[in-house]
Amino acid sequence: MTSSLGLKRNALVVEKRIDNHTQSYPPLDYSFHNAQKLEDAVAEPRVSTGGSKLVMEGDRYHSYGINLNHNALSGPMDTFPEFLQKTLMNPFALSSLDLSFNEFTDIPTIITRLSSLKYFYFHKNMLSDPAEVQKLASLRELKYLTLHGNPVEMNVPYLRSYVLSLLPDLRSLNCTPVTKGDRQISDVWSVMNKNLLPKTSNKNLKK
């Protein structure tokens, strides 16, 4: 009979293989274009010096990551799905998206359609409403999130507990690993601040 420890180890091995496969192709880098619109940012993608070469099949790339950091992007990014379809061999497998150092005042709703997203970098934007984080609750694969450097960080002193209440499966928040203590504090905070959480989260707390 397979022990629970053995099953856990097997699961970690499988997950590591998935992560290694995802990282075997470099992300498409569209950073530092000072672009205000997505269409202005997505010229020829770059690869960092010394990085792996981009792999193409036809006119599309094998990649699981998109870097759009250090631009001047804002707004809903409605054309992003079409861009992914045109650019990636497997657009539905996008696992990493970097929108840091832009001018977003909210999290684009289109992000909620990226069901395989595991890494989402959103630091150094103009986000001020903590309720925007609720949009990410539907992303079941999301494990790594950054929000630091947004106005919301200064406006909401309980931000870490709030985010972990909405996204309990995160492994890292703002480049800091989520610890057992973080989860315990978040659980206590959630019970004491039900009025600050969306109704769906309140229902989960009662179960």
N, C-alpha and C. Protein backbone atom coordinates (compact mmCIF):
# COMPACT_ATOMS: atom_id res chain seq x y z
N MET A 1 0.84 -1.19 0.00
CA MET A 1 0.00 0.00 0.00
C MET A 1 0.88 1.25 0.00
N THR A 2 0.63 2.17 -0.90
CA THR A 2 1.45 3.37 -1.01
C THR A 2 1.18 4.31 0.15
N SER A 3 2.22 4.75 0.83
CA SER A 3 2.06 5.64 1.97
C SER A 3 1.68 7.03 1.50
N SER A 4 1.09 7.84 2.42
CA SER A 4 0.72 9.21 2.09
C SER A 4 1.96 10.03 1.78
N LEU A 5 3.08 9.71 2.48
CA LEU A 5 4.33 10.42 2.22
C LEU A 5 4.82 10.13 0.81
N GLY A 6 4.67 8.86 0.39
CA GLY A 6 5.08 8.50 -0.96
C GLY A 6 4.26 9.21 -2.01
N LEU A 7 2.96 9.31 -1.77
CA LEU A 7 2.08 10.01 -2.70
C LEU A 7 2.45 11.48 -2.79
N LYS A 8 2.78 12.07 -1.64
CA LYS A 8 3.15 13.48 -1.62
C LYS A 8 4.43 13.70 -2.41
N ARG A 9 5.41 12.80 -2.23
CA ARG A 9 6.67 12.92 -2.96
C ARG A 9 6.45 12.79 -4.46
N ASN A 10 5.59 11.83 -4.84
CA ASN A 10 5.30 11.65 -6.27
C ASN A 10 4.65 12.89 -6.86
N ALA A 11 3.75 13.50 -6.09
CA ALA A 11 3.08 14.72 -6.56
C ALA A 11 4.08 15.84 -6.75
N LEU A 12 5.05 15.96 -5.82
CA LEU A 12 6.06 17.00 -5.94
C LEU A 12 6.95 16.78 -7.15
N VAL A 13 7.27 15.51 -7.44
CA VAL A 13 8.09 15.19 -8.61
C VAL A 13 7.37 15.58 -9.88
N VAL A 14 6.08 15.23 -9.96
CA VAL A 14 5.29 15.57 -11.15
C VAL A 14 5.21 17.08 -11.32
N GLU A 15 4.97 17.79 -10.21
CA GLU A 15 4.87 19.25 -10.28
C GLU A 15 6.20 19.86 -10.71
N LYS A 16 7.32 19.30 -10.22
CA LYS A 16 8.63 19.81 -10.60
C LYS A 16 8.87 19.61 -12.09
N ARG A 17 8.43 18.46 -12.61
CA ARG A 17 8.58 18.20 -14.04
C ARG A 17 7.78 19.21 -14.86
N ILE A 18 6.58 19.51 -14.40
CA ILE A 18 5.75 20.50 -15.10
C ILE A 18 6.43 21.85 -15.09
N ASP A 19 6.97 22.25 -13.92
CA ASP A 19 7.65 23.53 -13.82
C ASP A 19 8.88 23.57 -14.72
N ASN A 20 9.64 22.48 -14.76
CA ASN A 20 10.83 22.43 -15.60
C ASN A 20 10.47 22.54 -17.07
N HIS A 21 9.36 21.88 -17.45
CA HIS A 21 8.92 21.94 -18.84
C HIS A 21 8.50 23.36 -19.20
N THR A 22 7.80 24.00 -18.28
CA THR A 22 7.36 25.36 -18.51
C THR A 22 8.54 26.30 -18.68
N GLN A 23 9.60 26.06 -17.89
CA GLN A 23 10.75 26.94 -17.92
C GLN A 23 11.74 26.59 -19.02
N SER A 24 11.49 25.53 -19.77
CA SER A 24 12.43 25.12 -20.81
C SER A 24 12.41 26.09 -21.99
N TYR A 25 11.35 26.84 -22.15
CA TYR A 25 11.26 27.87 -23.17
C TYR A 25 11.31 29.25 -22.51
N PRO A 26 12.09 30.17 -23.05
CA PRO A 26 12.18 31.50 -22.44
C PRO A 26 10.90 32.29 -22.64
N PRO A 27 10.61 33.22 -21.74
CA PRO A 27 9.43 34.09 -21.93
C PRO A 27 9.67 35.04 -23.09
N LEU A 28 8.61 35.50 -23.69
CA LEU A 28 8.70 36.51 -24.73
C LEU A 28 8.78 37.87 -24.05
N ASP A 29 9.84 38.61 -24.32
CA ASP A 29 10.13 39.84 -23.60
C ASP A 29 9.77 41.06 -24.45
N TYR A 30 8.73 41.78 -24.01
CA TYR A 30 8.29 43.01 -24.68
C TYR A 30 8.43 44.21 -23.74
N SER A 31 9.38 44.14 -22.85
CA SER A 31 9.55 45.19 -21.84
C SER A 31 10.30 46.40 -22.40
N PHE A 32 10.21 47.51 -21.66
CA PHE A 32 10.97 48.73 -21.95
C PHE A 32 10.68 49.31 -23.35
N HIS A 33 9.42 49.32 -23.74
CA HIS A 33 9.03 49.97 -24.99
C HIS A 33 8.36 51.32 -24.74
N ASN A 34 8.08 51.62 -23.46
CA ASN A 34 7.36 52.84 -23.11
C ASN A 34 6.02 52.93 -23.85
N ALA A 35 5.42 51.77 -24.09
CA ALA A 35 4.19 51.69 -24.88
C ALA A 35 2.96 51.95 -24.02
N GLN A 36 2.03 52.72 -24.54
CA GLN A 36 0.77 52.99 -23.86
C GLN A 36 -0.31 52.00 -24.26
N LYS A 37 -0.13 51.33 -25.39
CA LYS A 37 -1.08 50.33 -25.86
C LYS A 37 -0.35 49.02 -26.10
N LEU A 38 -1.08 47.92 -25.92
CA LEU A 38 -0.50 46.60 -26.13
C LEU A 38 0.09 46.48 -27.53
N GLU A 39 -0.61 46.99 -28.51
CA GLU A 39 -0.16 46.87 -29.90
C GLU A 39 1.17 47.57 -30.13
N ASP A 40 1.46 48.59 -29.34
CA ASP A 40 2.71 49.31 -29.49
C ASP A 40 3.87 48.61 -28.78
N ALA A 41 3.52 47.73 -27.85
CA ALA A 41 4.56 47.05 -27.05
C ALA A 41 5.05 45.77 -27.71
N VAL A 42 4.15 45.08 -28.41
CA VAL A 42 4.45 43.73 -28.88
C VAL A 42 5.10 43.74 -30.26
N ALA A 43 6.25 44.35 -30.34
CA ALA A 43 7.06 44.25 -31.55
C ALA A 43 7.84 42.93 -31.48
N GLU A 44 9.00 42.88 -32.06
CA GLU A 44 9.80 41.65 -32.00
C GLU A 44 10.24 41.38 -30.57
N PRO A 45 9.94 40.20 -30.02
CA PRO A 45 10.33 39.91 -28.64
C PRO A 45 11.84 39.76 -28.49
N ARG A 46 12.33 40.08 -27.27
CA ARG A 46 13.74 39.95 -26.99
C ARG A 46 13.99 38.77 -26.07
N VAL A 47 15.25 38.33 -26.05
CA VAL A 47 15.70 37.33 -25.09
C VAL A 47 16.86 37.94 -24.33
N SER A 48 16.88 37.75 -23.02
CA SER A 48 17.95 38.33 -22.22
C SER A 48 19.30 37.76 -22.63
N THR A 49 20.35 38.56 -22.44
CA THR A 49 21.69 38.15 -22.81
C THR A 49 22.08 36.86 -22.09
N GLY A 50 22.52 35.90 -22.86
CA GLY A 50 22.90 34.62 -22.27
C GLY A 50 21.74 33.68 -22.06
N GLY A 51 20.52 34.11 -22.38
CA GLY A 51 19.35 33.28 -22.21
C GLY A 51 19.16 32.30 -23.37
N SER A 52 18.21 31.41 -23.20
CA SER A 52 17.91 30.44 -24.25
C SER A 52 17.33 31.15 -25.47
N LYS A 53 17.56 30.56 -26.63
CA LYS A 53 17.02 31.14 -27.86
C LYS A 53 15.52 30.86 -27.95
N LEU A 54 14.83 31.79 -28.59
CA LEU A 54 13.40 31.60 -28.81
C LEU A 54 13.19 30.47 -29.81
N VAL A 55 12.15 29.68 -29.56
CA VAL A 55 11.84 28.54 -30.42
C VAL A 55 10.53 28.82 -31.14
N MET A 56 10.57 28.80 -32.45
CA MET A 56 9.37 29.08 -33.25
C MET A 56 8.94 27.85 -34.02
N GLU A 57 7.66 27.81 -34.29
CA GLU A 57 7.08 26.81 -35.19
C GLU A 57 6.13 27.56 -36.10
N GLY A 58 6.52 27.70 -37.36
CA GLY A 58 5.77 28.58 -38.23
C GLY A 58 6.00 30.01 -37.80
N ASP A 59 4.92 30.75 -37.59
CA ASP A 59 5.05 32.14 -37.15
C ASP A 59 4.66 32.32 -35.68
N ARG A 60 4.64 31.21 -34.92
CA ARG A 60 4.30 31.29 -33.50
C ARG A 60 5.41 30.72 -32.64
N TYR A 61 5.42 31.13 -31.39
CA TYR A 61 6.51 30.78 -30.48
C TYR A 61 6.09 29.69 -29.49
N HIS A 62 7.08 28.87 -29.13
CA HIS A 62 6.94 27.97 -27.99
C HIS A 62 7.36 28.75 -26.76
N SER A 63 6.43 29.15 -25.95
CA SER A 63 6.73 29.90 -24.74
C SER A 63 5.53 29.83 -23.81
N TYR A 64 5.83 29.97 -22.50
CA TYR A 64 4.76 29.95 -21.50
C TYR A 64 4.75 31.23 -20.68
N GLY A 65 5.54 32.22 -21.13
CA GLY A 65 5.61 33.46 -20.38
C GLY A 65 5.64 34.69 -21.26
N ILE A 66 5.00 35.76 -20.80
CA ILE A 66 4.99 37.04 -21.51
C ILE A 66 5.44 38.12 -20.53
N ASN A 67 6.46 38.89 -20.90
CA ASN A 67 6.93 40.02 -20.10
C ASN A 67 6.55 41.32 -20.79
N LEU A 68 5.70 42.09 -20.13
CA LEU A 68 5.29 43.41 -20.63
C LEU A 68 5.62 44.49 -19.62
N ASN A 69 6.57 44.21 -18.78
CA ASN A 69 6.95 45.15 -17.72
C ASN A 69 7.69 46.37 -18.27
N HIS A 70 7.73 47.42 -17.46
CA HIS A 70 8.40 48.67 -17.81
C HIS A 70 7.88 49.26 -19.12
N ASN A 71 6.57 49.41 -19.18
CA ASN A 71 5.92 50.14 -20.26
C ASN A 71 5.04 51.22 -19.63
N ALA A 72 4.07 51.71 -20.36
CA ALA A 72 3.11 52.69 -19.82
C ALA A 72 1.70 52.19 -20.09
N LEU A 73 1.50 50.87 -19.94
CA LEU A 73 0.22 50.26 -20.26
C LEU A 73 -0.81 50.54 -19.18
N SER A 74 -2.07 50.60 -19.62
CA SER A 74 -3.20 50.75 -18.70
C SER A 74 -4.44 50.25 -19.43
N GLY A 75 -5.57 50.21 -18.70
CA GLY A 75 -6.82 49.83 -19.37
C GLY A 75 -7.07 48.34 -19.38
N PRO A 76 -8.12 47.91 -20.09
CA PRO A 76 -8.60 46.54 -20.01
C PRO A 76 -7.81 45.49 -20.79
N MET A 77 -6.96 45.88 -21.71
CA MET A 77 -6.18 44.93 -22.52
C MET A 77 -7.07 43.93 -23.26
N ASP A 78 -8.13 44.43 -23.87
CA ASP A 78 -9.11 43.56 -24.52
C ASP A 78 -8.53 42.73 -25.67
N THR A 79 -7.46 43.21 -26.29
CA THR A 79 -6.90 42.50 -27.43
C THR A 79 -5.86 41.46 -27.02
N PHE A 80 -5.64 41.29 -25.72
CA PHE A 80 -4.61 40.36 -25.26
C PHE A 80 -4.87 38.92 -25.68
N PRO A 81 -6.11 38.40 -25.58
CA PRO A 81 -6.36 37.02 -26.02
C PRO A 81 -6.03 36.80 -27.49
N GLU A 82 -6.38 37.75 -28.35
CA GLU A 82 -6.07 37.62 -29.77
C GLU A 82 -4.55 37.63 -30.00
N PHE A 83 -3.85 38.45 -29.22
CA PHE A 83 -2.40 38.49 -29.32
C PHE A 83 -1.80 37.13 -28.94
N LEU A 84 -2.31 36.52 -27.88
CA LEU A 84 -1.80 35.22 -27.46
C LEU A 84 -2.07 34.16 -28.52
N GLN A 85 -3.26 34.19 -29.08
CA GLN A 85 -3.62 33.20 -30.12
C GLN A 85 -2.69 33.32 -31.31
N LYS A 86 -2.34 34.53 -31.66
CA LYS A 86 -1.51 34.77 -32.84
C LYS A 86 -0.04 34.48 -32.58
N THR A 87 0.36 34.59 -31.30
CA THR A 87 1.78 34.57 -30.97
C THR A 87 2.28 33.23 -30.42
N LEU A 88 1.46 32.55 -29.61
CA LEU A 88 1.91 31.36 -28.91
C LEU A 88 1.37 30.07 -29.54
N MET A 89 2.19 29.03 -29.50
CA MET A 89 1.75 27.73 -30.00
C MET A 89 0.63 27.18 -29.12
N ASN A 90 0.73 27.44 -27.82
CA ASN A 90 -0.30 26.97 -26.89
C ASN A 90 -0.71 28.12 -25.98
N PRO A 91 -1.56 29.00 -26.48
CA PRO A 91 -1.93 30.20 -25.70
C PRO A 91 -2.65 29.87 -24.40
N PHE A 92 -3.33 28.73 -24.35
CA PHE A 92 -4.09 28.38 -23.14
C PHE A 92 -3.19 27.89 -22.01
N ALA A 93 -1.90 27.68 -22.31
CA ALA A 93 -0.97 27.20 -21.29
C ALA A 93 -0.10 28.31 -20.72
N LEU A 94 -0.41 29.57 -21.02
CA LEU A 94 0.37 30.69 -20.50
C LEU A 94 0.41 30.61 -18.97
N SER A 95 1.61 30.53 -18.39
CA SER A 95 1.72 30.35 -16.95
C SER A 95 2.37 31.53 -16.24
N SER A 96 2.98 32.45 -16.99
CA SER A 96 3.66 33.58 -16.36
C SER A 96 3.38 34.87 -17.13
N LEU A 97 2.96 35.90 -16.40
CA LEU A 97 2.67 37.20 -17.01
C LEU A 97 3.24 38.30 -16.12
N ASP A 98 4.08 39.14 -16.71
CA ASP A 98 4.69 40.24 -15.98
C ASP A 98 4.15 41.57 -16.51
N LEU A 99 3.31 42.22 -15.70
CA LEU A 99 2.77 43.54 -16.03
C LEU A 99 3.31 44.60 -15.07
N SER A 100 4.40 44.32 -14.42
CA SER A 100 4.94 45.25 -13.43
C SER A 100 5.47 46.52 -14.11
N PHE A 101 5.59 47.58 -13.31
CA PHE A 101 6.10 48.87 -13.78
C PHE A 101 5.31 49.38 -14.99
N ASN A 102 3.98 49.44 -14.83
CA ASN A 102 3.10 50.03 -15.82
C ASN A 102 2.20 51.04 -15.12
N GLU A 103 1.05 51.36 -15.70
CA GLU A 103 0.19 52.40 -15.13
C GLU A 103 -1.25 51.91 -14.94
N PHE A 104 -1.40 50.63 -14.65
CA PHE A 104 -2.73 50.07 -14.43
C PHE A 104 -3.30 50.56 -13.10
N THR A 105 -4.55 51.01 -13.14
CA THR A 105 -5.25 51.41 -11.92
C THR A 105 -6.12 50.27 -11.39
N ASP A 106 -6.34 49.27 -12.21
CA ASP A 106 -7.05 48.07 -11.78
C ASP A 106 -6.46 46.86 -12.49
N ILE A 107 -6.82 45.68 -12.02
CA ILE A 107 -6.34 44.45 -12.64
C ILE A 107 -7.23 44.15 -13.84
N PRO A 108 -6.65 44.08 -15.04
CA PRO A 108 -7.48 43.84 -16.23
C PRO A 108 -8.31 42.56 -16.08
N THR A 109 -9.62 42.67 -16.30
CA THR A 109 -10.51 41.52 -16.15
C THR A 109 -10.11 40.37 -17.06
N ILE A 110 -9.47 40.69 -18.16
CA ILE A 110 -9.06 39.67 -19.12
C ILE A 110 -8.12 38.66 -18.48
N ILE A 111 -7.44 39.05 -17.40
CA ILE A 111 -6.51 38.15 -16.71
C ILE A 111 -7.25 36.93 -16.16
N THR A 112 -8.50 37.09 -15.80
CA THR A 112 -9.26 35.98 -15.22
C THR A 112 -9.50 34.85 -16.21
N ARG A 113 -9.24 35.09 -17.48
CA ARG A 113 -9.42 34.05 -18.50
C ARG A 113 -8.16 33.21 -18.70
N LEU A 114 -7.09 33.59 -18.03
CA LEU A 114 -5.83 32.86 -18.17
C LEU A 114 -5.78 31.75 -17.12
N SER A 115 -6.48 30.67 -17.38
CA SER A 115 -6.71 29.63 -16.37
C SER A 115 -5.44 28.89 -15.94
N SER A 116 -4.38 28.94 -16.73
CA SER A 116 -3.13 28.25 -16.38
C SER A 116 -2.11 29.16 -15.71
N LEU A 117 -2.51 30.41 -15.45
CA LEU A 117 -1.56 31.38 -14.91
C LEU A 117 -1.08 30.98 -13.52
N LYS A 118 0.23 30.89 -13.37
CA LYS A 118 0.84 30.49 -12.10
C LYS A 118 1.64 31.63 -11.48
N TYR A 119 2.24 32.48 -12.31
CA TYR A 119 3.03 33.62 -11.87
C TYR A 119 2.40 34.89 -12.43
N PHE A 120 2.06 35.84 -11.56
CA PHE A 120 1.49 37.10 -12.00
C PHE A 120 2.19 38.23 -11.27
N TYR A 121 2.96 39.02 -12.03
CA TYR A 121 3.73 40.12 -11.46
C TYR A 121 3.02 41.44 -11.79
N PHE A 122 2.57 42.13 -10.73
CA PHE A 122 1.77 43.34 -10.92
C PHE A 122 2.27 44.46 -10.01
N HIS A 123 3.52 44.37 -9.58
CA HIS A 123 4.05 45.41 -8.70
C HIS A 123 4.37 46.68 -9.49
N LYS A 124 4.47 47.77 -8.75
CA LYS A 124 4.79 49.08 -9.33
C LYS A 124 3.79 49.50 -10.41
N ASN A 125 2.51 49.43 -10.06
CA ASN A 125 1.45 49.99 -10.89
C ASN A 125 0.72 51.05 -10.08
N MET A 126 -0.52 51.34 -10.43
CA MET A 126 -1.28 52.40 -9.74
C MET A 126 -2.51 51.85 -9.04
N LEU A 127 -2.48 50.59 -8.67
CA LEU A 127 -3.62 49.94 -8.03
C LEU A 127 -3.85 50.50 -6.63
N SER A 128 -5.08 50.94 -6.35
CA SER A 128 -5.38 51.50 -5.04
C SER A 128 -6.54 50.79 -4.33
N ASP A 129 -7.35 50.03 -5.07
CA ASP A 129 -8.53 49.37 -4.49
C ASP A 129 -8.21 47.91 -4.20
N PRO A 130 -8.18 47.49 -2.92
CA PRO A 130 -7.86 46.09 -2.59
C PRO A 130 -8.89 45.11 -3.14
N ALA A 131 -10.11 45.58 -3.38
CA ALA A 131 -11.16 44.69 -3.90
C ALA A 131 -10.81 44.13 -5.28
N GLU A 132 -9.90 44.81 -5.99
CA GLU A 132 -9.49 44.33 -7.31
C GLU A 132 -8.87 42.94 -7.24
N VAL A 133 -8.27 42.61 -6.10
CA VAL A 133 -7.61 41.31 -5.95
C VAL A 133 -8.62 40.16 -6.05
N GLN A 134 -9.88 40.46 -5.77
CA GLN A 134 -10.93 39.43 -5.85
C GLN A 134 -11.00 38.82 -7.24
N LYS A 135 -10.62 39.57 -8.25
CA LYS A 135 -10.66 39.06 -9.61
C LYS A 135 -9.79 37.83 -9.79
N LEU A 136 -8.73 37.74 -9.00
CA LEU A 136 -7.76 36.66 -9.16
C LEU A 136 -8.19 35.36 -8.49
N ALA A 137 -9.28 35.41 -7.73
CA ALA A 137 -9.72 34.22 -6.99
C ALA A 137 -10.11 33.07 -7.91
N SER A 138 -10.47 33.37 -9.14
CA SER A 138 -10.87 32.32 -10.08
C SER A 138 -9.67 31.60 -10.70
N LEU A 139 -8.46 32.12 -10.49
CA LEU A 139 -7.26 31.52 -11.07
C LEU A 139 -6.73 30.44 -10.12
N ARG A 140 -7.16 29.22 -10.33
CA ARG A 140 -6.86 28.12 -9.41
C ARG A 140 -5.39 27.72 -9.40
N GLU A 141 -4.67 28.02 -10.47
CA GLU A 141 -3.27 27.64 -10.56
C GLU A 141 -2.32 28.72 -10.04
N LEU A 142 -2.83 29.88 -9.70
CA LEU A 142 -1.97 31.00 -9.30
C LEU A 142 -1.26 30.70 -7.99
N LYS A 143 0.07 30.78 -8.01
CA LYS A 143 0.87 30.48 -6.83
C LYS A 143 1.82 31.62 -6.45
N TYR A 144 2.18 32.48 -7.40
CA TYR A 144 3.16 33.54 -7.15
C TYR A 144 2.57 34.87 -7.61
N LEU A 145 2.49 35.83 -6.68
CA LEU A 145 1.85 37.11 -6.98
C LEU A 145 2.66 38.24 -6.37
N THR A 146 2.80 39.34 -7.12
CA THR A 146 3.42 40.55 -6.56
C THR A 146 2.47 41.73 -6.73
N LEU A 147 2.35 42.51 -5.66
CA LEU A 147 1.51 43.71 -5.66
C LEU A 147 2.24 44.89 -5.02
N HIS A 148 3.45 44.70 -4.54
CA HIS A 148 4.14 45.76 -3.82
C HIS A 148 4.44 46.94 -4.75
N GLY A 149 4.56 48.10 -4.14
CA GLY A 149 4.83 49.30 -4.93
C GLY A 149 3.59 49.91 -5.55
N ASN A 150 2.41 49.36 -5.25
CA ASN A 150 1.15 49.96 -5.65
C ASN A 150 0.63 50.82 -4.49
N PRO A 151 -0.17 51.86 -4.78
CA PRO A 151 -0.73 52.68 -3.69
C PRO A 151 -1.50 51.86 -2.66
N VAL A 152 -2.08 50.74 -3.08
CA VAL A 152 -2.86 49.92 -2.15
C VAL A 152 -2.01 49.42 -0.99
N GLU A 153 -0.73 49.27 -1.23
CA GLU A 153 0.17 48.78 -0.18
C GLU A 153 0.25 49.77 0.98
N MET A 154 0.19 51.05 0.68
CA MET A 154 0.24 52.07 1.71
C MET A 154 -1.13 52.32 2.33
N ASN A 155 -2.17 52.15 1.52
CA ASN A 155 -3.52 52.46 1.98
C ASN A 155 -4.12 51.36 2.84
N VAL A 156 -3.64 50.12 2.69
CA VAL A 156 -4.24 48.97 3.38
C VAL A 156 -3.17 48.25 4.19
N PRO A 157 -3.05 48.52 5.49
CA PRO A 157 -2.01 47.91 6.31
C PRO A 157 -2.16 46.40 6.48
N TYR A 158 -3.38 45.89 6.27
CA TYR A 158 -3.65 44.45 6.44
C TYR A 158 -3.62 43.72 5.10
N LEU A 159 -2.95 44.29 4.11
CA LEU A 159 -3.05 43.77 2.74
C LEU A 159 -2.63 42.30 2.63
N ARG A 160 -1.56 41.90 3.30
CA ARG A 160 -1.09 40.52 3.16
C ARG A 160 -2.15 39.52 3.64
N SER A 161 -2.74 39.79 4.80
CA SER A 161 -3.78 38.90 5.32
C SER A 161 -5.00 38.91 4.42
N TYR A 162 -5.34 40.07 3.90
CA TYR A 162 -6.50 40.19 3.00
C TYR A 162 -6.28 39.37 1.74
N VAL A 163 -5.11 39.51 1.13
CA VAL A 163 -4.83 38.78 -0.11
C VAL A 163 -4.81 37.27 0.13
N LEU A 164 -4.20 36.85 1.22
CA LEU A 164 -4.13 35.41 1.51
C LEU A 164 -5.50 34.84 1.87
N SER A 165 -6.40 35.68 2.37
CA SER A 165 -7.77 35.24 2.62
C SER A 165 -8.48 34.95 1.30
N LEU A 166 -8.21 35.77 0.30
CA LEU A 166 -8.83 35.58 -1.00
C LEU A 166 -8.13 34.51 -1.82
N LEU A 167 -6.82 34.38 -1.63
CA LEU A 167 -6.01 33.47 -2.44
C LEU A 167 -5.20 32.56 -1.50
N PRO A 168 -5.85 31.63 -0.84
CA PRO A 168 -5.18 30.81 0.18
C PRO A 168 -4.13 29.85 -0.38
N ASP A 169 -4.11 29.64 -1.69
CA ASP A 169 -3.16 28.69 -2.27
C ASP A 169 -1.85 29.33 -2.73
N LEU A 170 -1.70 30.63 -2.49
CA LEU A 170 -0.45 31.29 -2.88
C LEU A 170 0.74 30.70 -2.11
N ARG A 171 1.85 30.55 -2.81
CA ARG A 171 3.09 30.11 -2.18
C ARG A 171 4.01 31.30 -1.87
N SER A 172 3.84 32.36 -2.66
CA SER A 172 4.68 33.54 -2.47
C SER A 172 3.87 34.78 -2.77
N LEU A 173 4.00 35.78 -1.92
CA LEU A 173 3.33 37.07 -2.12
C LEU A 173 4.38 38.17 -1.96
N ASN A 174 4.49 38.99 -2.98
CA ASN A 174 5.47 40.08 -2.97
C ASN A 174 6.90 39.57 -2.75
N CYS A 175 7.20 38.47 -3.45
CA CYS A 175 8.55 37.87 -3.43
C CYS A 175 8.93 37.31 -2.07
N THR A 176 7.96 37.13 -1.19
CA THR A 176 8.21 36.56 0.13
C THR A 176 7.38 35.28 0.28
N PRO A 177 8.02 34.15 0.61
CA PRO A 177 7.28 32.90 0.75
C PRO A 177 6.15 33.02 1.77
N VAL A 178 5.05 32.37 1.48
CA VAL A 178 3.92 32.33 2.41
C VAL A 178 4.18 31.23 3.42
N THR A 179 4.25 31.58 4.68
CA THR A 179 4.58 30.63 5.74
C THR A 179 3.30 30.10 6.41
N LYS A 180 3.50 29.09 7.23
CA LYS A 180 2.38 28.56 8.01
C LYS A 180 1.85 29.63 8.94
N GLY A 181 2.75 30.44 9.49
CA GLY A 181 2.32 31.54 10.36
C GLY A 181 1.49 32.56 9.62
N ASP A 182 1.87 32.86 8.36
CA ASP A 182 1.08 33.78 7.54
C ASP A 182 -0.35 33.28 7.38
N ARG A 183 -0.47 31.98 7.13
CA ARG A 183 -1.80 31.40 6.92
C ARG A 183 -2.63 31.45 8.20
N GLN A 184 -1.98 31.19 9.33
CA GLN A 184 -2.70 31.22 10.60
C GLN A 184 -3.19 32.64 10.91
N ILE A 185 -2.32 33.62 10.68
CA ILE A 185 -2.71 35.02 10.90
C ILE A 185 -3.84 35.42 9.96
N SER A 186 -3.74 34.96 8.71
CA SER A 186 -4.78 35.27 7.72
C SER A 186 -6.11 34.66 8.12
N ASP A 187 -6.09 33.43 8.65
CA ASP A 187 -7.32 32.77 9.08
C ASP A 187 -7.99 33.55 10.22
N VAL A 188 -7.18 33.98 11.17
CA VAL A 188 -7.73 34.76 12.30
C VAL A 188 -8.26 36.09 11.80
N TRP A 189 -7.49 36.74 10.92
CA TRP A 189 -7.92 38.03 10.39
C TRP A 189 -9.23 37.88 9.62
N SER A 190 -9.39 36.80 8.86
CA SER A 190 -10.59 36.58 8.07
C SER A 190 -11.83 36.48 8.94
N VAL A 191 -11.71 35.78 10.06
CA VAL A 191 -12.84 35.61 10.97
C VAL A 191 -13.22 36.95 11.60
N MET A 192 -12.23 37.79 11.87
CA MET A 192 -12.48 39.06 12.56
C MET A 192 -12.89 40.18 11.60
N ASN A 193 -12.72 39.93 10.29
CA ASN A 193 -13.00 41.00 9.32
C ASN A 193 -13.85 40.50 8.16
N LYS A 194 -14.86 39.73 8.47
CA LYS A 194 -15.72 39.18 7.43
C LYS A 194 -16.36 40.26 6.57
N ASN A 195 -16.60 41.41 7.17
CA ASN A 195 -17.26 42.50 6.44
C ASN A 195 -16.37 43.07 5.34
N LEU A 196 -15.08 42.82 5.40
CA LEU A 196 -14.16 43.34 4.39
C LEU A 196 -13.94 42.37 3.24
N LEU A 197 -14.47 41.16 3.39
CA LEU A 197 -14.29 40.13 2.37
C LEU A 197 -15.53 40.01 1.50
N PRO A 198 -15.38 39.54 0.26
CA PRO A 198 -16.56 39.33 -0.60
C PRO A 198 -17.45 38.25 -0.01
N LYS A 199 -18.72 38.28 -0.39
CA LYS A 199 -19.69 37.35 0.18
C LYS A 199 -19.31 35.90 -0.04
N THR A 200 -18.71 35.60 -1.19
CA THR A 200 -18.32 34.21 -1.47
C THR A 200 -17.31 33.73 -0.44
N SER A 201 -16.37 34.60 -0.06
CA SER A 201 -15.37 34.23 0.95
C SER A 201 -16.03 34.07 2.31
N ASN A 202 -17.00 34.92 2.61
CA ASN A 202 -17.71 34.80 3.88
C ASN A 202 -18.42 33.46 3.99
N LYS A 203 -18.99 32.99 2.89
CA LYS A 203 -19.68 31.71 2.88
C LYS A 203 -18.70 30.59 3.16
N ASN A 204 -17.50 30.68 2.58
CA ASN A 204 -16.49 29.65 2.79
C ASN A 204 -16.04 29.60 4.24
N LEU A 205 -16.01 30.75 4.90
CA LEU A 205 -15.59 30.80 6.29
C LEU A 205 -16.56 30.07 7.21
N LYS A 206 -17.82 30.03 6.81
CA LYS A 206 -18.85 29.40 7.65
C LYS A 206 -18.82 27.89 7.53
N LYS A 207 -18.18 27.36 6.49
CA LYS A 207 -18.17 25.91 6.27
C LYS A 207 -17.22 25.22 7.23
